[in-house]
Amino acid sequence: MTDFTHLDLNKSYTYADYLTWRFQERLELIKGKIFIMNRNQFLLKCVITSGL
């Protein structure tokens, strides 16, 4: 799947579903629910996980 708008945001998804997605947007899958990450959230996660 390549278009984020085709997803049902009320549905619960699995990691297997997540692996098939090819979106330009950055998404997180938390407990089956989809969350769209904005650029600032992504950068913050990179800093936190890198230990800077």
C-alpha atoms as a PDB file:
ATOM      1  CA  MET A   1       0.000   0.000   0.000  1.00  0.00           C
ATOM      2  CA  THR A   2       1.433   3.399  -0.941  1.00  0.00           C
ATOM      3  CA  ASP A   3      -1.319   5.895  -0.093  1.00  0.00           C
ATOM      4  CA  PHE A   4      -1.920   6.670   3.570  1.00  0.00           C
ATOM      5  CA  THR A   5      -5.476   7.881   2.887  1.00  0.00           C
ATOM      6  CA  HIS A   6      -6.563   4.306   2.083  1.00  0.00           C
ATOM      7  CA  LEU A   7      -6.057   3.195   5.676  1.00  0.00           C
ATOM      8  CA  ASP A   8      -8.966   2.990   8.106  1.00  0.00           C
ATOM      9  CA  LEU A   9      -7.748   4.856  11.190  1.00  0.00           C
ATOM     10  CA  ASN A  10     -10.350   3.109  13.346  1.00  0.00           C
ATOM     11  CA  LYS A  11      -9.016  -0.350  12.482  1.00  0.00           C
ATOM     12  CA  SER A  12      -6.374  -2.189  14.490  1.00  0.00           C
ATOM     13  CA  TYR A  13      -3.270  -3.154  12.466  1.00  0.00           C
ATOM     14  CA  THR A  14      -0.431  -5.615  13.005  1.00  0.00           C
ATOM     15  CA  TYR A  15       3.296  -5.317  12.505  1.00  0.00           C
ATOM     16  CA  ALA A  16       2.893  -7.543   9.435  1.00  0.00           C
ATOM     17  CA  ASP A  17       0.524  -4.906   7.991  1.00  0.00           C
ATOM     18  CA  TYR A  18       3.022  -2.167   8.834  1.00  0.00           C
ATOM     19  CA  LEU A  19       5.779  -3.937   6.909  1.00  0.00           C
ATOM     20  CA  THR A  20       3.719  -3.822   3.702  1.00  0.00           C
ATOM     21  CA  TRP A  21       3.186  -0.044   3.788  1.00  0.00           C
ATOM     22  CA  ARG A  22       5.270   2.224   1.563  1.00  0.00           C
ATOM     23  CA  PHE A  23       4.201   5.736   2.572  1.00  0.00           C
ATOM     24  CA  GLN A  24       6.004   9.060   2.273  1.00  0.00           C
ATOM     25  CA  GLU A  25       4.637  10.013   5.721  1.00  0.00           C
ATOM     26  CA  ARG A  26       6.315   8.714   8.844  1.00  0.00           C
ATOM     27  CA  LEU A  27       3.956   6.547  10.855  1.00  0.00           C
ATOM     28  CA  GLU A  28       4.077   4.746  14.166  1.00  0.00           C
ATOM     29  CA  LEU A  29       2.097   1.667  15.044  1.00  0.00           C
ATOM     30  CA  ILE A  30       1.348   1.552  18.774  1.00  0.00           C
ATOM     31  CA  LYS A  31      -0.861  -1.203  20.155  1.00  0.00           C
ATOM     32  CA  GLY A  32      -2.392  -1.676  16.708  1.00  0.00           C
ATOM     33  CA  LYS A  33      -3.258   1.992  16.168  1.00  0.00           C
ATOM     34  CA  ILE A  34      -1.670   4.296  13.586  1.00  0.00           C
ATOM     35  CA  PHE A  35      -0.104   7.595  14.588  1.00  0.00           C
ATOM     36  CA  ILE A  36       1.272  10.091  12.094  1.00  0.00           C
ATOM     37  CA  MET A  37       4.620  11.515  13.164  1.00  0.00           C
ATOM     38  CA  ASN A  38       5.484  15.072  12.302  1.00  0.00           C
ATOM     39  CA  ARG A  39       9.087  16.037  11.547  1.00  0.00           C
ATOM     40  CA  ASN A  40       9.742  17.339  15.077  1.00  0.00           C
ATOM     41  CA  GLN A  41       8.577  14.089  16.696  1.00  0.00           C
ATOM     42  CA  PHE A  42      10.816  12.102  14.373  1.00  0.00           C
ATOM     43  CA  LEU A  43      13.857  14.257  15.112  1.00  0.00           C
ATOM     44  CA  LEU A  44      13.216  14.047  18.863  1.00  0.00           C
ATOM     45  CA  LYS A  45      13.005  10.244  18.690  1.00  0.00           C
ATOM     46  CA  CYS A  46      16.288  10.126  16.757  1.00  0.00           C
ATOM     47  CA  VAL A  47      18.012  12.229  19.417  1.00  0.00           C
ATOM     48  CA  ILE A  48      16.563  10.204  22.294  1.00  0.00           C
ATOM     49  CA  THR A  49      17.419   6.827  20.783  1.00  0.00           C
ATOM     50  CA  SER A  50      20.927   7.919  19.808  1.00  0.00           C
ATOM     51  CA  GLY A  51      21.648   9.035  23.371  1.00  0.00           C
ATOM     52  CA  LEU A  52      22.484  12.632  22.472  1.00  0.00           C
END
